[in-house]
Amino acid sequence: MKTPEKGFYYHYKHDPAKGFRDYAYEFLNPGLHTEIEDLEKSAMVAYRPLYEDAKVYKLGKFWDFRPLSMFMENVVKNEKTIPRFQKITDPEVISKLEKIRDDMYN
């Protein structure tokens, strides 16, 4: 079962015009929902937003969880097929997001 690399990702709704934090997330860990027998269906991911308007952050700095298959799937946006979550590889952006993460969650 393929899992994402730990690190920072943009959700497909990310709009660069709204800044580098818009729909930015940190992928934390894969996991399994132990009450579901089917491993494919039980695989989950834990990740957290790096923007303060996120509902789960406002509710108490919670993490987001979603099925691994959904995290890894492609979606259609503007008639193009793209990943739902795209890994961020720019070292400058990663450095800024690390500071934001530390400020938000530590």
PDB file of N, CA and C in Angstrom:
ATOM      1  N   MET A   1       0.852  -1.181   0.000  1.00  0.00           N
ATOM      2  CA  MET A   1       0.000   0.000   0.000  1.00  0.00           C
ATOM      3  C   MET A   1       0.898   1.244   0.000  1.00  0.00           C
ATOM      4  N   LYS A   2       0.762   2.066  -0.993  1.00  0.00           N
ATOM      5  CA  LYS A   2       1.577   3.278  -1.107  1.00  0.00           C
ATOM      6  C   LYS A   2       1.050   4.355  -0.159  1.00  0.00           C
ATOM      7  N   THR A   3       1.957   4.983   0.583  1.00  0.00           N
ATOM      8  CA  THR A   3       1.580   6.084   1.472  1.00  0.00           C
ATOM      9  C   THR A   3       2.388   7.327   1.096  1.00  0.00           C
ATOM     10  N   PRO A   4       1.878   8.504   1.404  1.00  0.00           N
ATOM     11  CA  PRO A   4       2.622   9.720   1.080  1.00  0.00           C
ATOM     12  C   PRO A   4       3.866   9.845   1.956  1.00  0.00           C
ATOM     13  N   GLU A   5       4.826  10.596   1.464  1.00  0.00           N
ATOM     14  CA  GLU A   5       6.000  10.926   2.270  1.00  0.00           C
ATOM     15  C   GLU A   5       5.587  11.972   3.297  1.00  0.00           C
ATOM     16  N   LYS A   6       6.211  11.909   4.478  1.00  0.00           N
ATOM     17  CA  LYS A   6       5.966  12.982   5.447  1.00  0.00           C
ATOM     18  C   LYS A   6       6.432  14.287   4.836  1.00  0.00           C
ATOM     19  N   GLY A   7       5.753  15.355   5.185  1.00  0.00           N
ATOM     20  CA  GLY A   7       6.132  16.656   4.660  1.00  0.00           C
ATOM     21  C   GLY A   7       4.921  17.539   4.439  1.00  0.00           C
ATOM     22  N   PHE A   8       5.112  18.540   3.616  1.00  0.00           N
ATOM     23  CA  PHE A   8       4.113  19.560   3.382  1.00  0.00           C
ATOM     24  C   PHE A   8       3.477  19.374   2.004  1.00  0.00           C
ATOM     25  N   TYR A   9       2.162  19.648   1.964  1.00  0.00           N
ATOM     26  CA  TYR A   9       1.382  19.429   0.753  1.00  0.00           C
ATOM     27  C   TYR A   9       0.407  20.575   0.549  1.00  0.00           C
ATOM     28  N   TYR A  10       0.106  20.827  -0.714  1.00  0.00           N
ATOM     29  CA  TYR A  10      -0.995  21.715  -1.052  1.00  0.00           C
ATOM     30  C   TYR A  10      -2.182  20.870  -1.471  1.00  0.00           C
ATOM     31  N   HIS A  11      -3.355  21.232  -0.965  1.00  0.00           N
ATOM     32  CA  HIS A  11      -4.617  20.653  -1.414  1.00  0.00           C
ATOM     33  C   HIS A  11      -4.920  21.262  -2.780  1.00  0.00           C
ATOM     34  N   TYR A  12      -5.651  20.539  -3.588  1.00  0.00           N
ATOM     35  CA  TYR A  12      -5.931  21.023  -4.947  1.00  0.00           C
ATOM     36  C   TYR A  12      -6.670  22.358  -4.959  1.00  0.00           C
ATOM     37  N   LYS A  13      -7.285  22.759  -3.857  1.00  0.00           N
ATOM     38  CA  LYS A  13      -7.971  24.055  -3.795  1.00  0.00           C
ATOM     39  C   LYS A  13      -7.003  25.216  -3.557  1.00  0.00           C
ATOM     40  N   HIS A  14      -5.721  24.920  -3.356  1.00  0.00           N
ATOM     41  CA  HIS A  14      -4.714  25.959  -3.118  1.00  0.00           C
ATOM     42  C   HIS A  14      -4.735  26.989  -4.243  1.00  0.00           C
ATOM     43  N   ASP A  15      -4.730  28.260  -3.842  1.00  0.00           N
ATOM     44  CA  ASP A  15      -4.690  29.364  -4.794  1.00  0.00           C
ATOM     45  C   ASP A  15      -3.448  30.199  -4.480  1.00  0.00           C
ATOM     46  N   PRO A  16      -2.396  30.116  -5.308  1.00  0.00           N
ATOM     47  CA  PRO A  16      -1.173  30.872  -5.038  1.00  0.00           C
ATOM     48  C   PRO A  16      -1.399  32.370  -4.861  1.00  0.00           C
ATOM     49  N   ALA A  17      -2.441  32.900  -5.488  1.00  0.00           N
ATOM     50  CA  ALA A  17      -2.738  34.332  -5.352  1.00  0.00           C
ATOM     51  C   ALA A  17      -3.127  34.692  -3.922  1.00  0.00           C
ATOM     52  N   LYS A  18      -3.557  33.689  -3.135  1.00  0.00           N
ATOM     53  CA  LYS A  18      -3.942  33.918  -1.738  1.00  0.00           C
ATOM     54  C   LYS A  18      -2.787  33.675  -0.771  1.00  0.00           C
ATOM     55  N   GLY A  19      -1.611  33.424  -1.282  1.00  0.00           N
ATOM     56  CA  GLY A  19      -0.437  33.255  -0.432  1.00  0.00           C
ATOM     57  C   GLY A  19      -0.010  31.803  -0.309  1.00  0.00           C
ATOM     58  N   PHE A  20       1.212  31.608   0.171  1.00  0.00           N
ATOM     59  CA  PHE A  20       1.781  30.261   0.225  1.00  0.00           C
ATOM     60  C   PHE A  20       1.130  29.373   1.289  1.00  0.00           C
ATOM     61  N   ARG A  21       0.399  29.967   2.236  1.00  0.00           N
ATOM     62  CA  ARG A  21      -0.269  29.170   3.278  1.00  0.00           C
ATOM     63  C   ARG A  21      -1.627  28.634   2.866  1.00  0.00           C
ATOM     64  N   ASP A  22      -2.203  29.193   1.811  1.00  0.00           N
ATOM     65  CA  ASP A  22      -3.546  28.822   1.392  1.00  0.00           C
ATOM     66  C   ASP A  22      -3.618  27.318   1.117  1.00  0.00           C
ATOM     67  N   TYR A  23      -4.471  26.625   1.869  1.00  0.00           N
ATOM     68  CA  TYR A  23      -4.667  25.180   1.743  1.00  0.00           C
ATOM     69  C   TYR A  23      -3.358  24.400   1.831  1.00  0.00           C
ATOM     70  N   ALA A  24      -2.459  24.851   2.715  1.00  0.00           N
ATOM     71  CA  ALA A  24      -1.209  24.122   2.975  1.00  0.00           C
ATOM     72  C   ALA A  24      -1.421  23.207   4.179  1.00  0.00           C
ATOM     73  N   TYR A  25      -0.868  22.001   4.093  1.00  0.00           N
ATOM     74  CA  TYR A  25      -1.015  20.996   5.148  1.00  0.00           C
ATOM     75  C   TYR A  25       0.314  20.303   5.402  1.00  0.00           C
ATOM     76  N   GLU A  26       0.438  19.777   6.603  1.00  0.00           N
ATOM     77  CA  GLU A  26       1.562  18.905   6.921  1.00  0.00           C
ATOM     78  C   GLU A  26       1.028  17.485   7.065  1.00  0.00           C
ATOM     79  N   PHE A  27       1.554  16.571   6.252  1.00  0.00           N
ATOM     80  CA  PHE A  27       1.199  15.160   6.386  1.00  0.00           C
ATOM     81  C   PHE A  27       1.993  14.610   7.566  1.00  0.00           C
ATOM     82  N   LEU A  28       1.290  13.967   8.506  1.00  0.00           N
ATOM     83  CA  LEU A  28       1.926  13.472   9.720  1.00  0.00           C
ATOM     84  C   LEU A  28       2.223  11.984   9.686  1.00  0.00           C
ATOM     85  N   ASN A  29       1.187  11.173   9.515  1.00  0.00           N
ATOM     86  CA  ASN A  29       1.375   9.717   9.572  1.00  0.00           C
ATOM     87  C   ASN A  29       0.228   8.992   8.893  1.00  0.00           C
ATOM     88  N   PRO A  30       0.544   7.798   8.385  1.00  0.00           N
ATOM     89  CA  PRO A  30      -0.528   6.901   7.981  1.00  0.00           C
ATOM     90  C   PRO A  30      -1.013   6.138   9.207  1.00  0.00           C
ATOM     91  N   GLY A  31      -2.169   5.546   9.114  1.00  0.00           N
ATOM     92  CA  GLY A  31      -2.702   4.739  10.211  1.00  0.00           C
ATOM     93  C   GLY A  31      -3.783   3.814   9.695  1.00  0.00           C
ATOM     94  N   LEU A  32      -4.301   2.998  10.595  1.00  0.00           N
ATOM     95  CA  LEU A  32      -5.374   2.073  10.242  1.00  0.00           C
ATOM     96  C   LEU A  32      -6.534   2.244  11.200  1.00  0.00           C
ATOM     97  N   HIS A  33      -7.727   2.199  10.667  1.00  0.00           N
ATOM     98  CA  HIS A  33      -8.932   2.169  11.491  1.00  0.00           C
ATOM     99  C   HIS A  33      -9.119   0.701  11.852  1.00  0.00           C
ATOM    100  N   THR A  34      -8.865   0.354  13.096  1.00  0.00           N
ATOM    101  CA  THR A  34      -8.797  -1.055  13.501  1.00  0.00           C
ATOM    102  C   THR A  34     -10.137  -1.758  13.554  1.00  0.00           C
ATOM    103  N   GLU A  35     -11.226  -1.048  13.409  1.00  0.00           N
ATOM    104  CA  GLU A  35     -12.547  -1.677  13.419  1.00  0.00           C
ATOM    105  C   GLU A  35     -13.016  -2.051  12.021  1.00  0.00           C
ATOM    106  N   ILE A  36     -12.212  -1.736  11.018  1.00  0.00           N
ATOM    107  CA  ILE A  36     -12.554  -2.076   9.643  1.00  0.00           C
ATOM    108  C   ILE A  36     -11.630  -3.207   9.202  1.00  0.00           C
ATOM    109  N   GLU A  37     -12.221  -4.316   8.793  1.00  0.00           N
ATOM    110  CA  GLU A  37     -11.452  -5.511   8.426  1.00  0.00           C
ATOM    111  C   GLU A  37     -10.648  -5.338   7.132  1.00  0.00           C
ATOM    112  N   ASP A  38     -11.237  -4.699   6.146  1.00  0.00           N
ATOM    113  CA  ASP A  38     -10.597  -4.529   4.842  1.00  0.00           C
ATOM    114  C   ASP A  38      -9.468  -3.505   4.966  1.00  0.00           C
ATOM    115  N   LEU A  39      -8.217  -3.946   4.798  1.00  0.00           N
ATOM    116  CA  LEU A  39      -7.070  -3.051   4.962  1.00  0.00           C
ATOM    117  C   LEU A  39      -7.119  -1.846   4.033  1.00  0.00           C
ATOM    118  N   GLU A  40      -7.546  -2.058   2.801  1.00  0.00           N
ATOM    119  CA  GLU A  40      -7.633  -0.936   1.863  1.00  0.00           C
ATOM    120  C   GLU A  40      -8.587   0.137   2.377  1.00  0.00           C
ATOM    121  N   LYS A  41      -9.703  -0.281   2.939  1.00  0.00           N
ATOM    122  CA  LYS A  41     -10.697   0.675   3.438  1.00  0.00           C
ATOM    123  C   LYS A  41     -10.313   1.240   4.798  1.00  0.00           C
ATOM    124  N   SER A  42      -9.485   0.522   5.549  1.00  0.00           N
ATOM    125  CA  SER A  42      -9.138   0.983   6.897  1.00  0.00           C
ATOM    126  C   SER A  42      -7.947   1.935   6.918  1.00  0.00           C
ATOM    127  N   ALA A  43      -7.198   2.009   5.824  1.00  0.00           N
ATOM    128  CA  ALA A  43      -6.013   2.874   5.772  1.00  0.00           C
ATOM    129  C   ALA A  43      -6.433   4.344   5.798  1.00  0.00           C
ATOM    130  N   MET A  44      -5.857   5.088   6.737  1.00  0.00           N
ATOM    131  CA  MET A  44      -6.173   6.501   6.912  1.00  0.00           C
ATOM    132  C   MET A  44      -4.872   7.309   6.912  1.00  0.00           C
ATOM    133  N   VAL A  45      -5.009   8.608   6.795  1.00  0.00           N
ATOM    134  CA  VAL A  45      -3.870   9.506   6.959  1.00  0.00           C
ATOM    135  C   VAL A  45      -4.241  10.588   7.965  1.00  0.00           C
ATOM    136  N   ALA A  46      -3.238  11.027   8.696  1.00  0.00           N
ATOM    137  CA  ALA A  46      -3.391  12.141   9.635  1.00  0.00           C
ATOM    138  C   ALA A  46      -2.565  13.307   9.099  1.00  0.00           C
ATOM    139  N   TYR A  47      -3.194  14.462   9.031  1.00  0.00           N
ATOM    140  CA  TYR A  47      -2.507  15.654   8.559  1.00  0.00           C
ATOM    141  C   TYR A  47      -3.124  16.866   9.248  1.00  0.00           C
ATOM    142  N   ARG A  48      -2.416  17.980   9.211  1.00  0.00           N
ATOM    143  CA  ARG A  48      -2.954  19.169   9.888  1.00  0.00           C
ATOM    144  C   ARG A  48      -2.782  20.407   9.014  1.00  0.00           C
ATOM    145  N   PRO A  49      -3.721  21.320   9.141  1.00  0.00           N
ATOM    146  CA  PRO A  49      -3.676  22.537   8.331  1.00  0.00           C
ATOM    147  C   PRO A  49      -2.624  23.508   8.852  1.00  0.00           C
ATOM    148  N   LEU A  50      -2.122  24.316   7.935  1.00  0.00           N
ATOM    149  CA  LEU A  50      -1.160  25.356   8.293  1.00  0.00           C
ATOM    150  C   LEU A  50      -1.719  26.736   7.984  1.00  0.00           C
ATOM    151  N   TYR A  51      -3.036  26.816   8.029  1.00  0.00           N
ATOM    152  CA  TYR A  51      -3.716  28.105   7.886  1.00  0.00           C
ATOM    153  C   TYR A  51      -4.803  28.147   8.959  1.00  0.00           C
ATOM    154  N   GLU A  52      -4.934  29.293   9.604  1.00  0.00           N
ATOM    155  CA  GLU A  52      -5.774  29.415  10.803  1.00  0.00           C
ATOM    156  C   GLU A  52      -7.272  29.380  10.532  1.00  0.00           C
ATOM    157  N   ASP A  53      -7.695  29.553   9.294  1.00  0.00           N
ATOM    158  CA  ASP A  53      -9.123  29.510   8.983  1.00  0.00           C
ATOM    159  C   ASP A  53      -9.670  28.091   8.869  1.00  0.00           C
ATOM    160  N   ALA A  54      -8.800  27.102   8.917  1.00  0.00           N
ATOM    161  CA  ALA A  54      -9.253  25.712   8.794  1.00  0.00           C
ATOM    162  C   ALA A  54     -10.165  25.353   9.965  1.00  0.00           C
ATOM    163  N   LYS A  55     -11.274  24.706   9.648  1.00  0.00           N
ATOM    164  CA  LYS A  55     -12.274  24.362  10.656  1.00  0.00           C
ATOM    165  C   LYS A  55     -11.675  23.545  11.802  1.00  0.00           C
ATOM    166  N   VAL A  56     -10.863  22.535  11.471  1.00  0.00           N
ATOM    167  CA  VAL A  56     -10.316  21.679  12.533  1.00  0.00           C
ATOM    168  C   VAL A  56      -9.339  22.440  13.420  1.00  0.00           C
ATOM    169  N   TYR A  57      -8.656  23.428  12.874  1.00  0.00           N
ATOM    170  CA  TYR A  57      -7.756  24.247  13.696  1.00  0.00           C
ATOM    171  C   TYR A  57      -8.568  25.133  14.644  1.00  0.00           C
ATOM    172  N   LYS A  58      -9.601  25.749  14.115  1.00  0.00           N
ATOM    173  CA  LYS A  58     -10.446  26.619  14.933  1.00  0.00           C
ATOM    174  C   LYS A  58     -11.127  25.856  16.065  1.00  0.00           C
ATOM    175  N   LEU A  59     -11.445  24.587  15.833  1.00  0.00           N
ATOM    176  CA  LEU A  59     -12.135  23.784  16.844  1.00  0.00           C
ATOM    177  C   LEU A  59     -11.225  23.301  17.965  1.00  0.00           C
ATOM    178  N   GLY A  60      -9.945  23.564  17.869  1.00  0.00           N
ATOM    179  CA  GLY A  60      -9.045  23.159  18.942  1.00  0.00           C
ATOM    180  C   GLY A  60      -7.744  22.569  18.463  1.00  0.00           C
ATOM    181  N   LYS A  61      -7.250  23.055  17.332  1.00  0.00           N
ATOM    182  CA  LYS A  61      -5.989  22.573  16.782  1.00  0.00           C
ATOM    183  C   LYS A  61      -6.010  21.068  16.536  1.00  0.00           C
ATOM    184  N   PHE A  62      -7.168  20.571  16.108  1.00  0.00           N
ATOM    185  CA  PHE A  62      -7.290  19.156  15.786  1.00  0.00           C
ATOM    186  C   PHE A  62      -6.539  18.837  14.495  1.00  0.00           C
ATOM    187  N   TRP A  63      -6.296  17.564  14.286  1.00  0.00           N
ATOM    188  CA  TRP A  63      -5.741  17.072  13.026  1.00  0.00           C
ATOM    189  C   TRP A  63      -6.900  16.677  12.129  1.00  0.00           C
ATOM    190  N   ASP A  64      -6.631  16.635  10.854  1.00  0.00           N
ATOM    191  CA  ASP A  64      -7.571  16.097   9.878  1.00  0.00           C
ATOM    192  C   ASP A  64      -7.247  14.624   9.665  1.00  0.00           C
ATOM    193  N   PHE A  65      -8.278  13.829   9.384  1.00  0.00           N
ATOM    194  CA  PHE A  65      -8.107  12.431   9.009  1.00  0.00           C
ATOM    195  C   PHE A  65      -8.947  12.193   7.772  1.00  0.00           C
ATOM    196  N   ARG A  66      -8.431  11.386   6.890  1.00  0.00           N
ATOM    197  CA  ARG A  66      -9.211  10.994   5.729  1.00  0.00           C
ATOM    198  C   ARG A  66      -8.677   9.665   5.236  1.00  0.00           C
ATOM    199  N   PRO A  67      -9.477   8.956   4.466  1.00  0.00           N
ATOM    200  CA  PRO A  67      -8.990   7.691   3.918  1.00  0.00           C
ATOM    201  C   PRO A  67      -7.736   7.912   3.060  1.00  0.00           C
ATOM    202  N   LEU A  68      -6.778   7.016   3.187  1.00  0.00           N
ATOM    203  CA  LEU A  68      -5.553   7.091   2.394  1.00  0.00           C
ATOM    204  C   LEU A  68      -5.870   7.153   0.909  1.00  0.00           C
ATOM    205  N   SER A  69      -6.816   6.341   0.467  1.00  0.00           N
ATOM    206  CA  SER A  69      -7.148   6.317  -0.963  1.00  0.00           C
ATOM    207  C   SER A  69      -7.615   7.689  -1.445  1.00  0.00           C
ATOM    208  N   MET A  70      -8.336   8.404  -0.608  1.00  0.00           N
ATOM    209  CA  MET A  70      -8.813   9.738  -0.978  1.00  0.00           C
ATOM    210  C   MET A  70      -7.656  10.743  -1.004  1.00  0.00           C
ATOM    211  N   PHE A  71      -6.756  10.642  -0.026  1.00  0.00           N
ATOM    212  CA  PHE A  71      -5.599  11.536   0.017  1.00  0.00           C
ATOM    213  C   PHE A  71      -4.748  11.370  -1.244  1.00  0.00           C
ATOM    214  N   MET A  72      -4.598  10.132  -1.699  1.00  0.00           N
ATOM    215  CA  MET A  72      -3.707   9.811  -2.813  1.00  0.00           C
ATOM    216  C   MET A  72      -4.375   9.938  -4.189  1.00  0.00           C
ATOM    217  N   GLU A  73      -5.690  10.127  -4.229  1.00  0.00           N
ATOM    218  CA  GLU A  73      -6.376  10.103  -5.518  1.00  0.00           C
ATOM    219  C   GLU A  73      -6.188  11.380  -6.316  1.00  0.00           C
ATOM    220  N   ASN A  74      -6.524  11.274  -7.579  1.00  0.00           N
ATOM    221  CA  ASN A  74      -6.547  12.429  -8.471  1.00  0.00           C
ATOM    222  C   ASN A  74      -7.954  12.993  -8.508  1.00  0.00           C
ATOM    223  N   VAL A  75      -8.039  14.293  -8.799  1.00  0.00           N
ATOM    224  CA  VAL A  75      -9.320  14.978  -8.955  1.00  0.00           C
ATOM    225  C   VAL A  75      -9.282  15.754 -10.267  1.00  0.00           C
ATOM    226  N   VAL A  76     -10.443  16.175 -10.715  1.00  0.00           N
ATOM    227  CA  VAL A  76     -10.514  16.985 -11.932  1.00  0.00           C
ATOM    228  C   VAL A  76     -10.787  18.430 -11.514  1.00  0.00           C
ATOM    229  N   LYS A  77      -9.918  19.324 -11.981  1.00  0.00           N
ATOM    230  CA  LYS A  77     -10.066  20.761 -11.706  1.00  0.00           C
ATOM    231  C   LYS A  77      -9.794  21.501 -13.017  1.00  0.00           C
ATOM    232  N   ASN A  78     -10.735  22.308 -13.419  1.00  0.00           N
ATOM    233  CA  ASN A  78     -10.603  23.052 -14.681  1.00  0.00           C
ATOM    234  C   ASN A  78     -10.290  22.113 -15.846  1.00  0.00           C
ATOM    235  N   GLU A  79     -10.992  20.988 -15.864  1.00  0.00           N
ATOM    236  CA  GLU A  79     -10.877  19.990 -16.923  1.00  0.00           C
ATOM    237  C   GLU A  79      -9.511  19.314 -16.990  1.00  0.00           C
ATOM    238  N   LYS A  80      -8.709  19.427 -15.921  1.00  0.00           N
ATOM    239  CA  LYS A  80      -7.410  18.758 -15.846  1.00  0.00           C
ATOM    240  C   LYS A  80      -7.430  17.781 -14.680  1.00  0.00           C
ATOM    241  N   THR A  81      -6.801  16.643 -14.861  1.00  0.00           N
ATOM    242  CA  THR A  81      -6.666  15.675 -13.782  1.00  0.00           C
ATOM    243  C   THR A  81      -5.377  15.975 -13.021  1.00  0.00           C
ATOM    244  N   ILE A  82      -5.533  16.213 -11.716  1.00  0.00           N
ATOM    245  CA  ILE A  82      -4.390  16.581 -10.865  1.00  0.00           C
ATOM    246  C   ILE A  82      -4.493  15.813  -9.544  1.00  0.00           C
ATOM    247  N   PRO A  83      -3.378  15.706  -8.805  1.00  0.00           N
ATOM    248  CA  PRO A  83      -3.454  15.063  -7.493  1.00  0.00           C
ATOM    249  C   PRO A  83      -4.292  15.892  -6.519  1.00  0.00           C
ATOM    250  N   ARG A  84      -5.041  15.204  -5.650  1.00  0.00           N
ATOM    251  CA  ARG A  84      -5.790  15.911  -4.606  1.00  0.00           C
ATOM    252  C   ARG A  84      -4.816  16.678  -3.703  1.00  0.00           C
ATOM    253  N   PHE A  85      -3.695  16.060  -3.363  1.00  0.00           N
ATOM    254  CA  PHE A  85      -2.643  16.692  -2.564  1.00  0.00           C
ATOM    255  C   PHE A  85      -1.330  16.613  -3.329  1.00  0.00           C
ATOM    256  N   GLN A  86      -0.662  17.742  -3.449  1.00  0.00           N
ATOM    257  CA  GLN A  86       0.600  17.827  -4.185  1.00  0.00           C
ATOM    258  C   GLN A  86       1.725  18.165  -3.199  1.00  0.00           C
ATOM    259  N   LYS A  87       2.764  17.343  -3.179  1.00  0.00           N
ATOM    260  CA  LYS A  87       3.892  17.571  -2.256  1.00  0.00           C
ATOM    261  C   LYS A  87       4.574  18.884  -2.601  1.00  0.00           C
ATOM    262  N   ILE A  88       4.911  19.639  -1.575  1.00  0.00           N
ATOM    263  CA  ILE A  88       5.637  20.900  -1.738  1.00  0.00           C
ATOM    264  C   ILE A  88       7.124  20.576  -1.683  1.00  0.00           C
ATOM    265  N   THR A  89       7.858  21.013  -2.680  1.00  0.00           N
ATOM    266  CA  THR A  89       9.294  20.703  -2.748  1.00  0.00           C
ATOM    267  C   THR A  89      10.184  21.943  -2.680  1.00  0.00           C
ATOM    268  N   ASP A  90       9.609  23.121  -2.758  1.00  0.00           N
ATOM    269  CA  ASP A  90      10.384  24.362  -2.730  1.00  0.00           C
ATOM    270  C   ASP A  90      10.965  24.568  -1.334  1.00  0.00           C
ATOM    271  N   PRO A  91      12.304  24.545  -1.177  1.00  0.00           N
ATOM    272  CA  PRO A  91      12.913  24.673   0.150  1.00  0.00           C
ATOM    273  C   PRO A  91      12.539  25.967   0.883  1.00  0.00           C
ATOM    274  N   GLU A  92      12.362  27.042   0.154  1.00  0.00           N
ATOM    275  CA  GLU A  92      11.992  28.316   0.776  1.00  0.00           C
ATOM    276  C   GLU A  92      10.589  28.246   1.377  1.00  0.00           C
ATOM    277  N   VAL A  93       9.659  27.678   0.635  1.00  0.00           N
ATOM    278  CA  VAL A  93       8.284  27.525   1.119  1.00  0.00           C
ATOM    279  C   VAL A  93       8.265  26.561   2.300  1.00  0.00           C
ATOM    280  N   ILE A  94       8.991  25.462   2.210  1.00  0.00           N
ATOM    281  CA  ILE A  94       9.055  24.491   3.306  1.00  0.00           C
ATOM    282  C   ILE A  94       9.573  25.151   4.572  1.00  0.00           C
ATOM    283  N   SER A  95      10.621  25.961   4.461  1.00  0.00           N
ATOM    284  CA  SER A  95      11.176  26.651   5.626  1.00  0.00           C
ATOM    285  C   SER A  95      10.139  27.575   6.270  1.00  0.00           C
ATOM    286  N   LYS A  96       9.389  28.296   5.457  1.00  0.00           N
ATOM    287  CA  LYS A  96       8.339  29.180   5.980  1.00  0.00           C
ATOM    288  C   LYS A  96       7.230  28.374   6.651  1.00  0.00           C
ATOM    289  N   LEU A  97       6.842  27.254   6.046  1.00  0.00           N
ATOM    290  CA  LEU A  97       5.777  26.422   6.621  1.00  0.00           C
ATOM    291  C   LEU A  97       6.221  25.751   7.918  1.00  0.00           C
ATOM    292  N   GLU A  98       7.491  25.397   8.023  1.00  0.00           N
ATOM    293  CA  GLU A  98       8.000  24.829   9.277  1.00  0.00           C
ATOM    294  C   GLU A  98       7.863  25.829  10.415  1.00  0.00           C
ATOM    295  N   LYS A  99       8.180  27.093  10.153  1.00  0.00           N
ATOM    296  CA  LYS A  99       8.038  28.127  11.187  1.00  0.00           C
ATOM    297  C   LYS A  99       6.577  28.322  11.558  1.00  0.00           C
ATOM    298  N   ILE A 100       5.708  28.372  10.568  1.00  0.00           N
ATOM    299  CA  ILE A 100       4.279  28.521  10.826  1.00  0.00           C
ATOM    300  C   ILE A 100       3.766  27.342  11.652  1.00  0.00           C
ATOM    301  N   ARG A 101       4.159  26.121  11.266  1.00  0.00           N
ATOM    302  CA  ARG A 101       3.757  24.924  12.026  1.00  0.00           C
ATOM    303  C   ARG A 101       4.196  25.044  13.485  1.00  0.00           C
ATOM    304  N   ASP A 102       5.436  25.442  13.689  1.00  0.00           N
ATOM    305  CA  ASP A 102       5.940  25.563  15.065  1.00  0.00           C
ATOM    306  C   ASP A 102       5.167  26.613  15.851  1.00  0.00           C
ATOM    307  N   ASP A 103       4.837  27.717  15.205  1.00  0.00           N
ATOM    308  CA  ASP A 103       4.062  28.766  15.873  1.00  0.00           C
ATOM    309  C   ASP A 103       2.632  28.320  16.166  1.00  0.00           C
ATOM    310  N   MET A 104       2.042  27.578  15.252  1.00  0.00           N
ATOM    311  CA  MET A 104       0.636  27.169  15.404  1.00  0.00           C
ATOM    312  C   MET A 104       0.460  26.010  16.384  1.00  0.00           C
ATOM    313  N   TYR A 105       1.406  25.071  16.420  1.00  0.00           N
ATOM    314  CA  TYR A 105       1.177  23.833  17.152  1.00  0.00           C
ATOM    315  C   TYR A 105       2.113  23.607  18.330  1.00  0.00           C
ATOM    316  N   ASN A 106       3.044  24.479  18.578  1.00  0.00           N
ATOM    317  CA  ASN A 106       3.920  24.292  19.750  1.00  0.00           C
ATOM    318  C   ASN A 106       3.696  25.352  20.810  1.00  0.00           C
TER     319      ASN A 106
END
